[in-house]
Amino acid sequence: MFVVTFVVTANAPNPDSWAAYRRELQPEAGRYGVELGAPLFDNDDWKAKVDVVVDLKPDVFTFTFGCPSAEAIARLHRAGITTGATVTTSHEAVIAVDRGVKTLIVQGSAAGGHRGLSMSVIKGRQGLCGRR
């Protein structure tokens, strides 16, 4: 079996969140006399990576730290590739299923390991087992 796993960076950050984070970093940057760089939202060339995966046609393509768009997932399925997404909360599971992911890889600290949280995790949301 041939499996490929990617860290998802295809989802553009929320501009307001990015601006707030930038304001938070500014005093530290000033302390060291450096300027914060301009934000880059698409320096990962996600589409090209998906093109390579479609060409390679692995049996399974999994994602972690986020979920690709429904369009990208549908494209993978049309190529005969089974998809899977790591999820750490019921909210992430719903997003993945709604976008067409076929397999959920459920991860949590109750299983003895770390949690690969994605940016969609919102402070205060319940985990998959109803714990906070």
Protein backbone atom coordinates (compact mmCIF):
# COMPACT_ATOMS: atom_id res chain seq x y z
CA MET A 1 0.00 0.00 0.00
CA PHE A 2 1.26 3.47 -0.95
CA VAL A 3 0.27 6.27 1.46
CA VAL A 4 1.09 9.99 1.34
CA THR A 5 0.52 12.39 4.27
CA PHE A 6 0.68 16.18 4.03
CA VAL A 7 0.42 19.01 6.51
CA VAL A 8 -2.35 21.22 5.20
CA THR A 9 -1.44 24.83 4.53
CA ALA A 10 -4.01 25.45 1.82
CA ASN A 11 -6.44 27.32 4.05
CA ALA A 12 -5.83 31.06 4.08
CA PRO A 13 -5.61 32.54 7.57
CA ASN A 14 -8.25 34.92 8.82
CA PRO A 15 -6.92 38.45 8.08
CA ASP A 16 -8.19 39.78 11.42
CA SER A 17 -6.43 37.00 13.34
CA TRP A 18 -3.27 37.62 11.36
CA ALA A 19 -3.39 41.36 12.10
CA ALA A 20 -3.93 40.71 15.83
CA TYR A 21 -0.99 38.30 15.90
CA ARG A 22 1.16 40.84 14.10
CA ARG A 23 0.25 43.52 16.67
CA GLU A 24 1.19 41.06 19.42
CA LEU A 25 4.62 40.45 17.87
CA GLN A 26 5.40 44.10 17.10
CA PRO A 27 6.78 45.03 20.55
CA GLU A 28 9.15 42.04 20.46
CA ALA A 29 10.29 42.94 16.95
CA GLY A 30 10.88 46.53 18.09
CA ARG A 31 12.88 45.28 21.06
CA TYR A 32 15.32 43.60 18.67
CA GLY A 33 15.26 46.37 16.07
CA VAL A 34 13.79 44.21 13.33
CA GLU A 35 10.83 44.69 11.03
CA LEU A 36 8.11 42.10 10.69
CA GLY A 37 7.95 40.71 7.19
CA ALA A 38 4.96 41.00 4.89
CA PRO A 39 2.43 38.20 5.33
CA LEU A 40 2.56 35.43 2.72
CA PHE A 41 -0.60 33.40 2.40
CA ASP A 42 0.24 31.12 -0.52
CA ASN A 43 3.92 30.29 -0.44
CA ASP A 44 3.35 26.55 -0.15
CA ASP A 45 2.09 25.89 -3.71
CA TRP A 46 -0.63 23.55 -2.44
CA LYS A 47 -2.18 23.05 -5.88
CA ALA A 48 1.14 21.82 -7.30
CA LYS A 49 1.48 19.35 -4.43
CA VAL A 50 -2.01 17.99 -5.10
CA ASP A 51 -1.09 17.73 -8.82
CA VAL A 52 1.89 15.53 -7.88
CA VAL A 53 -0.25 13.33 -5.63
CA VAL A 54 -2.86 12.89 -8.38
CA ASP A 55 -0.07 11.91 -10.80
CA LEU A 56 1.46 9.46 -8.30
CA LYS A 57 -1.95 7.96 -7.43
CA PRO A 58 -1.19 6.62 -3.94
CA ASP A 59 -3.79 4.30 -2.41
CA VAL A 60 -4.38 6.75 0.44
CA PHE A 61 -3.73 10.45 0.91
CA THR A 62 -4.06 11.79 4.47
CA PHE A 63 -3.98 15.31 5.87
CA THR A 64 -3.09 16.72 9.27
CA PHE A 65 -3.31 20.16 10.90
CA GLY A 66 -6.28 21.10 8.72
CA CYS A 67 -8.49 19.91 5.91
CA PRO A 68 -8.26 20.75 2.20
CA SER A 69 -11.18 22.20 0.30
CA ALA A 70 -14.07 20.05 -0.87
CA GLU A 71 -12.88 20.65 -4.45
CA ALA A 72 -9.40 19.26 -3.73
CA ILE A 73 -10.85 16.22 -1.98
CA ALA A 74 -13.28 15.56 -4.85
CA ARG A 75 -10.36 15.77 -7.31
CA LEU A 76 -8.44 13.17 -5.31
CA HIS A 77 -11.47 10.87 -5.23
CA ARG A 78 -11.95 11.21 -9.00
CA ALA A 79 -8.34 10.00 -9.32
CA GLY A 80 -9.24 6.91 -7.27
CA ILE A 81 -7.39 8.04 -4.13
CA THR A 82 -8.90 7.35 -0.70
CA THR A 83 -8.66 10.34 1.65
CA GLY A 84 -8.20 10.59 5.41
CA ALA A 85 -7.96 13.52 7.80
CA THR A 86 -6.59 13.78 11.32
CA VAL A 87 -9.23 15.30 13.59
CA THR A 88 -8.96 16.27 17.25
CA THR A 89 -12.44 17.64 17.93
CA SER A 90 -15.98 16.92 16.81
CA HIS A 91 -15.92 20.30 15.03
CA GLU A 92 -12.94 19.21 12.91
CA ALA A 93 -14.62 15.86 12.23
CA VAL A 94 -17.74 17.59 10.89
CA ILE A 95 -15.63 19.84 8.64
CA ALA A 96 -13.74 16.84 7.22
CA VAL A 97 -16.89 14.79 6.59
CA ASP A 98 -18.70 17.77 5.06
CA ARG A 99 -15.79 18.24 2.65
CA GLY A 100 -15.94 14.58 1.58
CA VAL A 101 -13.09 12.94 3.51
CA LYS A 102 -13.63 9.16 3.60
CA THR A 103 -11.61 8.26 6.72
CA LEU A 104 -11.20 10.09 10.01
CA ILE A 105 -7.97 9.63 11.97
CA VAL A 106 -9.11 10.49 15.48
CA GLN A 107 -6.34 11.82 17.71
CA GLY A 108 -6.35 13.01 21.29
CA SER A 109 -4.34 13.19 24.47
CA ALA A 110 -6.52 10.46 26.01
CA ALA A 111 -4.78 8.03 23.65
CA GLY A 112 -1.42 8.77 25.27
CA GLY A 113 -0.02 11.16 22.70
CA HIS A 114 -0.09 14.74 21.59
CA ARG A 115 -2.86 16.34 19.59
CA GLY A 116 -2.14 17.73 16.14
CA LEU A 117 -4.49 20.70 16.45
CA SER A 118 -5.45 22.58 13.34
CA MET A 119 -6.19 26.27 13.07
CA SER A 120 -9.92 25.46 13.07
CA VAL A 121 -9.81 24.57 16.77
CA ILE A 122 -11.62 27.31 18.62
CA LYS A 123 -10.86 27.99 22.25
CA GLY A 124 -13.45 26.33 24.48
CA ARG A 125 -14.79 23.78 21.96
CA GLN A 126 -15.37 20.28 23.26
CA GLY A 127 -13.06 17.49 22.23
CA LEU A 128 -14.21 14.28 20.55
CA CYS A 129 -14.85 12.59 23.90
CA GLY A 130 -16.78 15.50 25.37
CA ARG A 131 -13.79 16.72 27.39
CA ARG A 132 -12.34 20.19 27.30
